[in-house]
Amino acid sequence: HFKQKRELVLRRLTDMGFVLHNNPQGSFYAFASLENMPESLRDGRLFFEKALEYKVICVPGEFFDVDPGKRRRHIPSRLSQYIRISYGPPLAEVMRGLDALQRLVEDAFNLVNA
């Protein structure tokens, strides 16, 4: 069941322009790079905020940048250009989220090309 949703999510995200440096192996999350997105969507926190406007929740990658002892406060997170997307919900919910993300990305690219 999860394999079908994983393949769907990976294909759709790739088609939208996200980069997946590593495919998920045993979880139900995709960790997607924003490196090919328009400048306005290349930051995980900004992407999260914009996705909320489209009624989609994703998690900024920097939330997974473990920094025990807070030794790297002086440098930006190496995961700031990533988001994590879950494909754990029912298929219909996953599809609805992917469709909304596609509208978000298309709208951002359209603004750049306007």
Protein backbone atom coordinates (compact mmCIF):
# COMPACT_ATOMS: atom_id res chain seq x y z
CA HIS A 1 0.00 0.00 0.00
CA PHE A 2 2.75 2.46 0.94
CA LYS A 3 4.88 1.43 -2.03
CA GLN A 4 2.14 2.58 -4.42
CA LYS A 5 1.81 5.93 -2.64
CA ARG A 6 5.60 6.33 -2.45
CA GLU A 7 6.01 5.78 -6.19
CA LEU A 8 3.19 8.23 -6.91
CA VAL A 9 4.66 10.92 -4.63
CA LEU A 10 8.20 10.51 -5.97
CA ARG A 11 7.01 10.70 -9.58
CA ARG A 12 4.76 13.71 -9.01
CA LEU A 13 7.37 15.62 -7.00
CA THR A 14 10.02 14.97 -9.65
CA ASP A 15 7.62 16.05 -12.40
CA MET A 16 7.01 19.31 -10.50
CA GLY A 17 10.74 20.05 -10.35
CA PHE A 18 11.64 18.89 -6.84
CA VAL A 19 14.93 17.02 -6.48
CA LEU A 20 15.04 13.80 -4.47
CA HIS A 21 18.66 13.02 -3.64
CA ASN A 22 17.66 9.85 -1.79
CA ASN A 23 14.52 7.83 -2.27
CA PRO A 24 12.77 6.78 0.95
CA GLN A 25 13.56 3.20 1.90
CA GLY A 26 11.42 2.32 4.88
CA SER A 27 9.48 5.38 5.94
CA PHE A 28 6.46 7.19 4.61
CA TYR A 29 8.17 10.54 4.02
CA ALA A 30 9.89 12.10 1.03
CA PHE A 31 12.68 14.57 1.73
CA ALA A 32 12.63 16.91 -1.26
CA SER A 33 15.15 19.54 -2.26
CA LEU A 34 13.89 22.93 -3.37
CA GLU A 35 17.03 23.70 -5.40
CA ASN A 36 15.16 23.82 -8.74
CA MET A 37 12.23 25.85 -7.46
CA PRO A 38 11.78 29.57 -8.18
CA GLU A 39 13.78 31.74 -5.77
CA SER A 40 10.64 32.54 -3.76
CA LEU A 41 10.22 28.84 -2.90
CA ARG A 42 13.82 27.77 -2.24
CA ASP A 43 13.68 28.22 1.53
CA GLY A 44 11.94 25.46 3.49
CA ARG A 45 10.28 27.82 5.97
CA LEU A 46 9.01 30.12 3.24
CA PHE A 47 7.81 27.12 1.26
CA PHE A 48 5.96 25.85 4.35
CA GLU A 49 4.21 29.21 4.80
CA LYS A 50 3.26 29.41 1.13
CA ALA A 51 2.02 25.79 1.14
CA LEU A 52 -0.32 26.65 4.02
CA GLU A 53 -2.02 29.17 1.74
CA TYR A 54 -2.75 26.21 -0.56
CA LYS A 55 -4.00 24.13 2.39
CA VAL A 56 -0.98 21.79 2.42
CA ILE A 57 1.30 21.08 5.36
CA CYS A 58 4.92 20.12 4.83
CA VAL A 59 7.80 20.31 7.28
CA PRO A 60 10.82 22.56 6.67
CA GLY A 61 13.99 20.50 6.34
CA GLU A 62 15.90 22.55 8.88
CA PHE A 63 13.72 21.03 11.61
CA PHE A 64 15.68 17.80 11.02
CA ASP A 65 19.12 19.39 11.16
CA VAL A 66 20.31 17.99 14.46
CA ASP A 67 22.70 20.34 16.24
CA PRO A 68 23.42 19.07 19.75
CA GLY A 69 24.88 21.79 21.91
CA LYS A 70 23.81 24.42 19.37
CA ARG A 71 27.36 24.64 18.02
CA ARG A 72 26.29 25.76 14.53
CA ARG A 73 24.06 28.71 15.43
CA HIS A 74 26.34 31.04 13.50
CA ILE A 75 25.76 29.29 10.14
CA PRO A 76 22.54 28.58 8.24
CA SER A 77 21.12 25.08 8.35
CA ARG A 78 22.42 22.81 5.61
CA LEU A 79 18.83 21.54 5.25
CA SER A 80 17.16 24.92 4.78
CA GLN A 81 16.42 24.16 1.12
CA TYR A 82 14.50 20.96 1.86
CA ILE A 83 10.99 20.01 2.87
CA ARG A 84 9.59 16.74 4.15
CA ILE A 85 6.34 15.46 2.69
CA SER A 86 4.36 12.56 4.13
CA TYR A 87 2.60 9.96 2.04
CA GLY A 88 1.15 8.30 5.13
CA PRO A 89 -2.43 9.63 4.78
CA PRO A 90 -5.05 7.89 2.64
CA LEU A 91 -4.39 7.99 -1.11
CA ALA A 92 -7.16 10.53 -1.80
CA GLU A 93 -5.61 12.90 0.75
CA VAL A 94 -2.13 12.43 -0.72
CA MET A 95 -3.51 13.17 -4.21
CA ARG A 96 -5.25 16.31 -2.98
CA GLY A 97 -2.02 17.53 -1.38
CA LEU A 98 0.03 16.80 -4.49
CA ASP A 99 -2.48 18.65 -6.67
CA ALA A 100 -2.28 21.67 -4.35
CA LEU A 101 1.54 21.58 -4.37
CA GLN A 102 1.46 21.47 -8.15
CA ARG A 103 -0.73 24.59 -8.24
CA LEU A 104 1.66 26.32 -5.82
CA VAL A 105 4.72 25.48 -7.92
CA GLU A 106 3.02 26.39 -11.20
CA ASP A 107 1.84 29.71 -9.75
CA ALA A 108 5.38 30.51 -8.56
CA PHE A 109 6.90 29.67 -11.95
CA ASN A 110 4.21 31.72 -13.70
CA LEU A 111 5.11 34.76 -11.58
CA VAL A 112 8.77 34.38 -12.55
CA ASN A 113 7.91 34.11 -16.23
CA ALA A 114 5.35 36.94 -16.24
